[in-house]
All heavy atoms as atom14 arrays in JSON, in Angstrom:
{
  "sequence": "DVNGDMAYMQAPTTTSWRTIIASKNATDILA",
  "atom14_mask": [
    [1, 1, 1, 1, 1, 1, 1, 1, 0, 0, 0, 0, 0, 0],
    [1, 1, 1, 1, 1, 1, 1, 0, 0, 0, 0, 0, 0, 0],
    [1, 1, 1, 1, 1, 1, 1, 1, 0, 0, 0, 0, 0, 0],
    [1, 1, 1, 1, 0, 0, 0, 0, 0, 0, 0, 0, 0, 0],
    [1, 1, 1, 1, 1, 1, 1, 1, 0, 0, 0, 0, 0, 0],
    [1, 1, 1, 1, 1, 1, 1, 1, 0, 0, 0, 0, 0, 0],
    [1, 1, 1, 1, 1, 0, 0, 0, 0, 0, 0, 0, 0, 0],
    [1, 1, 1, 1, 1, 1, 1, 1, 1, 1, 1, 1, 0, 0],
    [1, 1, 1, 1, 1, 1, 1, 1, 0, 0, 0, 0, 0, 0],
    [1, 1, 1, 1, 1, 1, 1, 1, 1, 0, 0, 0, 0, 0],
    [1, 1, 1, 1, 1, 0, 0, 0, 0, 0, 0, 0, 0, 0],
    [1, 1, 1, 1, 1, 1, 1, 0, 0, 0, 0, 0, 0, 0],
    [1, 1, 1, 1, 1, 1, 1, 0, 0, 0, 0, 0, 0, 0],
    [1, 1, 1, 1, 1, 1, 1, 0, 0, 0, 0, 0, 0, 0],
    [1, 1, 1, 1, 1, 1, 1, 0, 0, 0, 0, 0, 0, 0],
    [1, 1, 1, 1, 1, 1, 0, 0, 0, 0, 0, 0, 0, 0],
    [1, 1, 1, 1, 1, 1, 1, 1, 1, 1, 1, 1, 1, 1],
    [1, 1, 1, 1, 1, 1, 1, 1, 1, 1, 1, 0, 0, 0],
    [1, 1, 1, 1, 1, 1, 1, 0, 0, 0, 0, 0, 0, 0],
    [1, 1, 1, 1, 1, 1, 1, 1, 0, 0, 0, 0, 0, 0],
    [1, 1, 1, 1, 1, 1, 1, 1, 0, 0, 0, 0, 0, 0],
    [1, 1, 1, 1, 1, 0, 0, 0, 0, 0, 0, 0, 0, 0],
    [1, 1, 1, 1, 1, 1, 0, 0, 0, 0, 0, 0, 0, 0],
    [1, 1, 1, 1, 1, 1, 1, 1, 1, 0, 0, 0, 0, 0],
    [1, 1, 1, 1, 1, 1, 1, 1, 0, 0, 0, 0, 0, 0],
    [1, 1, 1, 1, 1, 0, 0, 0, 0, 0, 0, 0, 0, 0],
    [1, 1, 1, 1, 1, 1, 1, 0, 0, 0, 0, 0, 0, 0],
    [1, 1, 1, 1, 1, 1, 1, 1, 0, 0, 0, 0, 0, 0],
    [1, 1, 1, 1, 1, 1, 1, 1, 0, 0, 0, 0, 0, 0],
    [1, 1, 1, 1, 1, 1, 1, 1, 0, 0, 0, 0, 0, 0],
    [1, 1, 1, 1, 1, 0, 0, 0, 0, 0, 0, 0, 0, 0]
  ],
  "atom14_positions": [
    [[-7.99, -15.51, 17.03], [-9.07, -16.07, 17.83], [-8.53, -16.49, 19.19], [-7.39, -16.16, 19.56], [-9.74, -17.23, 17.09], [-8.85, -18.46, 16.97], [-7.69, -18.44, 17.45], [-9.3, -19.46, 16.37], [0.0, 0.0, 0.0], [0.0, 0.0, 0.0], [0.0, 0.0, 0.0], [0.0, 0.0, 0.0], [0.0, 0.0, 0.0], [0.0, 0.0, 0.0]],
    [[-9.33, -17.21, 19.95], [-8.95, -17.6, 21.3], [-7.69, -18.47, 21.32], [-6.94, -18.48, 22.31], [-10.13, -18.33, 22.0], [-10.45, -19.63, 21.28], [-9.85, -18.57, 23.47], [0.0, 0.0, 0.0], [0.0, 0.0, 0.0], [0.0, 0.0, 0.0], [0.0, 0.0, 0.0], [0.0, 0.0, 0.0], [0.0, 0.0, 0.0], [0.0, 0.0, 0.0]],
    [[-7.41, -19.19, 20.21], [-6.22, -20.04, 20.13], [-5.01, -19.32, 19.55], [-3.94, -19.91, 19.42], [-6.52, -21.27, 19.26], [-7.6, -22.15, 19.85], [-7.64, -22.37, 21.06], [-8.49, -22.64, 19.0], [0.0, 0.0, 0.0], [0.0, 0.0, 0.0], [0.0, 0.0, 0.0], [0.0, 0.0, 0.0], [0.0, 0.0, 0.0], [0.0, 0.0, 0.0]],
    [[-5.2, -18.06, 19.17], [-4.12, -17.33, 18.55], [-4.04, -17.52, 17.05], [-3.09, -17.05, 16.41], [0.0, 0.0, 0.0], [0.0, 0.0, 0.0], [0.0, 0.0, 0.0], [0.0, 0.0, 0.0], [0.0, 0.0, 0.0], [0.0, 0.0, 0.0], [0.0, 0.0, 0.0], [0.0, 0.0, 0.0], [0.0, 0.0, 0.0], [0.0, 0.0, 0.0]],
    [[-5.03, -18.21, 16.47], [-5.06, -18.43, 15.03], [-5.75, -17.25, 14.35], [-6.71, -16.68, 14.88], [-5.8, -19.72, 14.7], [-5.15, -20.94, 15.34], [-3.91, -20.97, 15.41], [-5.88, -21.86, 15.78], [0.0, 0.0, 0.0], [0.0, 0.0, 0.0], [0.0, 0.0, 0.0], [0.0, 0.0, 0.0], [0.0, 0.0, 0.0], [0.0, 0.0, 0.0]],
    [[-5.29, -16.93, 13.13], [-5.77, -15.73, 12.46], [-7.0, -15.97, 11.59], [-7.87, -15.11, 11.5], [-4.66, -15.12, 11.62], [-3.42, -14.75, 12.43], [-3.81, -13.59, 13.77], [-2.26, -13.55, 14.66], [0.0, 0.0, 0.0], [0.0, 0.0, 0.0], [0.0, 0.0, 0.0], [0.0, 0.0, 0.0], [0.0, 0.0, 0.0], [0.0, 0.0, 0.0]],
    [[-7.07, -17.13, 10.93], [-8.22, -17.42, 10.09], [-8.24, -18.89, 9.72], [-7.18, -19.49, 9.48], [-8.21, -16.57, 8.82], [0.0, 0.0, 0.0], [0.0, 0.0, 0.0], [0.0, 0.0, 0.0], [0.0, 0.0, 0.0], [0.0, 0.0, 0.0], [0.0, 0.0, 0.0], [0.0, 0.0, 0.0], [0.0, 0.0, 0.0], [0.0, 0.0, 0.0]],
    [[-9.42, -19.46, 9.68], [-9.63, -20.84, 9.24], [-10.18, -20.79, 7.83], [-11.21, -20.18, 7.58], [-10.59, -21.57, 10.17], [-10.0, -21.86, 11.53], [-9.86, -20.86, 12.49], [-9.54, -23.14, 11.85], [-9.3, -21.12, 13.73], [-8.98, -23.41, 13.09], [-8.86, -22.39, 14.02], [-8.31, -22.66, 15.25], [0.0, 0.0, 0.0], [0.0, 0.0, 0.0]],
    [[-9.51, -21.46, 6.91], [-9.82, -21.33, 5.49], [-10.24, -22.66, 4.89], [-9.74, -23.72, 5.28], [-8.6, -20.8, 4.73], [-7.95, -19.56, 5.35], [-8.99, -18.09, 5.27], [-8.73, -17.62, 3.55], [0.0, 0.0, 0.0], [0.0, 0.0, 0.0], [0.0, 0.0, 0.0], [0.0, 0.0, 0.0], [0.0, 0.0, 0.0], [0.0, 0.0, 0.0]],
    [[-11.17, -22.58, 3.96], [-11.59, -23.75, 3.19], [-11.73, -23.33, 1.74], [-12.58, -22.52, 1.38], [-12.93, -24.3, 3.69], [-13.43, -25.49, 2.88], [-14.82, -25.95, 3.3], [-15.31, -25.58, 4.36], [-15.45, -26.76, 2.46], [0.0, 0.0, 0.0], [0.0, 0.0, 0.0], [0.0, 0.0, 0.0], [0.0, 0.0, 0.0], [0.0, 0.0, 0.0]],
    [[-10.88, -23.88, 0.89], [-10.92, -23.55, -0.53], [-12.14, -24.22, -1.19], [-12.52, -25.33, -0.79], [-9.63, -24.01, -1.22], [0.0, 0.0, 0.0], [0.0, 0.0, 0.0], [0.0, 0.0, 0.0], [0.0, 0.0, 0.0], [0.0, 0.0, 0.0], [0.0, 0.0, 0.0], [0.0, 0.0, 0.0], [0.0, 0.0, 0.0], [0.0, 0.0, 0.0]],
    [[-12.75, -23.55, -2.2], [-12.35, -22.26, -2.77], [-12.77, -21.11, -1.86], [-13.88, -21.1, -1.33], [-13.1, -22.23, -4.09], [-14.32, -23.07, -3.85], [-13.89, -24.16, -2.92], [0.0, 0.0, 0.0], [0.0, 0.0, 0.0], [0.0, 0.0, 0.0], [0.0, 0.0, 0.0], [0.0, 0.0, 0.0], [0.0, 0.0, 0.0], [0.0, 0.0, 0.0]],
    [[-11.88, -20.14, -1.73], [-12.18, -19.0, -0.87], [-11.26, -17.84, -1.24], [-10.32, -17.99, -2.03], [-11.99, -19.37, 0.62], [-12.47, -18.32, 1.44], [-10.52, -19.63, 0.95], [0.0, 0.0, 0.0], [0.0, 0.0, 0.0], [0.0, 0.0, 0.0], [0.0, 0.0, 0.0], [0.0, 0.0, 0.0], [0.0, 0.0, 0.0], [0.0, 0.0, 0.0]],
    [[-11.55, -16.69, -0.67], [-10.73, -15.49, -0.89], [-10.53, -14.77, 0.43], [-11.27, -14.98, 1.39], [-11.39, -14.51, -1.87], [-12.56, -13.95, -1.26], [-11.79, -15.2, -3.17], [0.0, 0.0, 0.0], [0.0, 0.0, 0.0], [0.0, 0.0, 0.0], [0.0, 0.0, 0.0], [0.0, 0.0, 0.0], [0.0, 0.0, 0.0], [0.0, 0.0, 0.0]],
    [[-9.52, -13.93, 0.47], [-9.37, -13.0, 1.59], [-10.13, -11.72, 1.26], [-10.68, -11.57, 0.16], [-7.9, -12.64, 1.83], [-7.42, -11.86, 0.71], [-7.05, -13.88, 1.98], [0.0, 0.0, 0.0], [0.0, 0.0, 0.0], [0.0, 0.0, 0.0], [0.0, 0.0, 0.0], [0.0, 0.0, 0.0], [0.0, 0.0, 0.0], [0.0, 0.0, 0.0]],
    [[-10.17, -10.8, 2.21], [-10.65, -9.46, 1.89], [-9.6, -8.75, 1.02], [-8.46, -9.19, 0.92], [-10.92, -8.67, 3.17], [-9.84, -8.78, 4.07], [0.0, 0.0, 0.0], [0.0, 0.0, 0.0], [0.0, 0.0, 0.0], [0.0, 0.0, 0.0], [0.0, 0.0, 0.0], [0.0, 0.0, 0.0], [0.0, 0.0, 0.0], [0.0, 0.0, 0.0]],
    [[-10.01, -7.67, 0.39], [-9.1, -6.89, -0.45], [-8.23, -5.98, 0.42], [-8.7, -5.42, 1.42], [-9.88, -6.01, -1.41], [-10.69, -6.75, -2.45], [-11.98, -7.2, -2.31], [-10.27, -7.11, -3.76], [-12.38, -7.81, -3.46], [-11.36, -7.77, -4.39], [-9.09, -6.92, -4.48], [-11.3, -8.25, -5.68], [-9.04, -7.4, -5.79], [-10.12, -8.06, -6.38]],
    [[-6.97, -5.8, 0.04], [-6.1, -4.78, 0.63], [-6.14, -3.59, -0.31], [-6.01, -3.75, -1.53], [-4.68, -5.31, 0.79], [-4.5, -6.2, 2.03], [-5.24, -7.53, 1.93], [-5.24, -8.23, 3.2], [-6.22, -8.15, 4.11], [-7.27, -7.39, 3.9], [-6.14, -8.82, 5.24], [0.0, 0.0, 0.0], [0.0, 0.0, 0.0], [0.0, 0.0, 0.0]],
    [[-6.34, -2.4, 0.24], [-6.55, -1.22, -0.6], [-5.51, -0.14, -0.33], [-5.13, 0.08, 0.82], [-7.95, -0.63, -0.4], [-8.09, -0.17, 0.96], [-9.02, -1.66, -0.69], [0.0, 0.0, 0.0], [0.0, 0.0, 0.0], [0.0, 0.0, 0.0], [0.0, 0.0, 0.0], [0.0, 0.0, 0.0], [0.0, 0.0, 0.0], [0.0, 0.0, 0.0]],
    [[-5.08, 0.51, -1.4], [-4.16, 1.64, -1.32], [-4.73, 2.74, -2.2], [-4.8, 2.59, -3.42], [-2.75, 1.27, -1.79], [-2.2, 0.08, -1.0], [-1.81, 2.47, -1.66], [-1.04, -0.62, -1.68], [0.0, 0.0, 0.0], [0.0, 0.0, 0.0], [0.0, 0.0, 0.0], [0.0, 0.0, 0.0], [0.0, 0.0, 0.0], [0.0, 0.0, 0.0]],
    [[-5.18, 3.82, -1.59], [-5.68, 4.98, -2.32], [-4.63, 6.07, -2.2], [-4.08, 6.29, -1.11], [-7.02, 5.47, -1.74], [-8.05, 4.33, -1.73], [-7.56, 6.66, -2.53], [-9.31, 4.65, -0.95], [0.0, 0.0, 0.0], [0.0, 0.0, 0.0], [0.0, 0.0, 0.0], [0.0, 0.0, 0.0], [0.0, 0.0, 0.0], [0.0, 0.0, 0.0]],
    [[-4.33, 6.76, -3.29], [-3.28, 7.79, -3.24], [-3.6, 8.91, -4.21], [-4.18, 8.69, -5.28], [-1.92, 7.18, -3.57], [0.0, 0.0, 0.0], [0.0, 0.0, 0.0], [0.0, 0.0, 0.0], [0.0, 0.0, 0.0], [0.0, 0.0, 0.0], [0.0, 0.0, 0.0], [0.0, 0.0, 0.0], [0.0, 0.0, 0.0], [0.0, 0.0, 0.0]],
    [[-3.21, 10.13, -3.83], [-3.4, 11.29, -4.69], [-2.6, 12.46, -4.13], [-2.29, 12.51, -2.94], [-4.88, 11.68, -4.76], [-5.05, 12.86, -5.54], [0.0, 0.0, 0.0], [0.0, 0.0, 0.0], [0.0, 0.0, 0.0], [0.0, 0.0, 0.0], [0.0, 0.0, 0.0], [0.0, 0.0, 0.0], [0.0, 0.0, 0.0], [0.0, 0.0, 0.0]],
    [[-2.3, 13.4, -4.99], [-1.69, 14.66, -4.56], [-2.74, 15.61, -3.97], [-2.38, 16.64, -3.38], [-1.0, 15.34, -5.74], [0.35, 14.74, -6.1], [1.44, 15.16, -5.12], [2.82, 14.76, -5.58], [3.89, 15.25, -4.68], [0.0, 0.0, 0.0], [0.0, 0.0, 0.0], [0.0, 0.0, 0.0], [0.0, 0.0, 0.0], [0.0, 0.0, 0.0]],
    [[-4.0, 15.27, -4.11], [-5.09, 16.1, -3.58], [-5.82, 15.34, -2.48], [-6.33, 14.24, -2.71], [-6.07, 16.47, -4.7], [-5.43, 17.28, -5.79], [-4.77, 18.27, -5.52], [-5.6, 16.87, -7.04], [0.0, 0.0, 0.0], [0.0, 0.0, 0.0], [0.0, 0.0, 0.0], [0.0, 0.0, 0.0], [0.0, 0.0, 0.0], [0.0, 0.0, 0.0]],
    [[-5.88, 15.95, -1.31], [-6.56, 15.29, -0.19], [-8.02, 15.03, -0.49], [-8.6, 14.04, -0.04], [-6.41, 16.14, 1.07], [0.0, 0.0, 0.0], [0.0, 0.0, 0.0], [0.0, 0.0, 0.0], [0.0, 0.0, 0.0], [0.0, 0.0, 0.0], [0.0, 0.0, 0.0], [0.0, 0.0, 0.0], [0.0, 0.0, 0.0], [0.0, 0.0, 0.0]],
    [[-8.65, 15.92, -1.26], [-10.07, 15.75, -1.57], [-10.33, 14.48, -2.37], [-11.41, 13.9, -2.3], [-10.61, 16.98, -2.32], [-9.77, 17.24, -3.46], [-10.63, 18.2, -1.44], [0.0, 0.0, 0.0], [0.0, 0.0, 0.0], [0.0, 0.0, 0.0], [0.0, 0.0, 0.0], [0.0, 0.0, 0.0], [0.0, 0.0, 0.0], [0.0, 0.0, 0.0]],
    [[-9.34, 14.03, -3.15], [-9.51, 12.81, -3.92], [-9.65, 11.58, -3.03], [-10.3, 10.6, -3.39], [-8.33, 12.6, -4.89], [-8.32, 13.62, -6.02], [-9.36, 14.26, -6.26], [-7.26, 13.78, -6.65], [0.0, 0.0, 0.0], [0.0, 0.0, 0.0], [0.0, 0.0, 0.0], [0.0, 0.0, 0.0], [0.0, 0.0, 0.0], [0.0, 0.0, 0.0]],
    [[-9.01, 11.6, -1.88], [-9.14, 10.49, -0.93], [-10.59, 10.41, -0.46], [-11.18, 9.33, -0.4], [-8.19, 10.65, 0.27], [-6.74, 10.88, -0.2], [-8.3, 9.45, 1.2], [-6.14, 9.72, -0.97], [0.0, 0.0, 0.0], [0.0, 0.0, 0.0], [0.0, 0.0, 0.0], [0.0, 0.0, 0.0], [0.0, 0.0, 0.0], [0.0, 0.0, 0.0]],
    [[-11.17, 11.57, -0.14], [-12.55, 11.61, 0.32], [-13.52, 11.18, -0.78], [-14.58, 10.6, -0.49], [-12.91, 13.01, 0.8], [-12.06, 13.59, 1.94], [-12.5, 15.02, 2.25], [-12.17, 12.72, 3.19], [0.0, 0.0, 0.0], [0.0, 0.0, 0.0], [0.0, 0.0, 0.0], [0.0, 0.0, 0.0], [0.0, 0.0, 0.0], [0.0, 0.0, 0.0]],
    [[-13.19, 11.48, -2.01], [-14.09, 11.2, -3.14], [-13.97, 9.76, -3.64], [-14.81, 9.33, -4.44], [-13.81, 12.17, -4.28], [0.0, 0.0, 0.0], [0.0, 0.0, 0.0], [0.0, 0.0, 0.0], [0.0, 0.0, 0.0], [0.0, 0.0, 0.0], [0.0, 0.0, 0.0], [0.0, 0.0, 0.0], [0.0, 0.0, 0.0], [0.0, 0.0, 0.0]]
  ]
}
């Protein structure tokens, strides 16, 4: 933000999910 802070938190709370999709087939990423 304008102060250089990344996020203001108040419990109970969650972050967004971090996702890793992987496959030997490129079409699986699209699907």
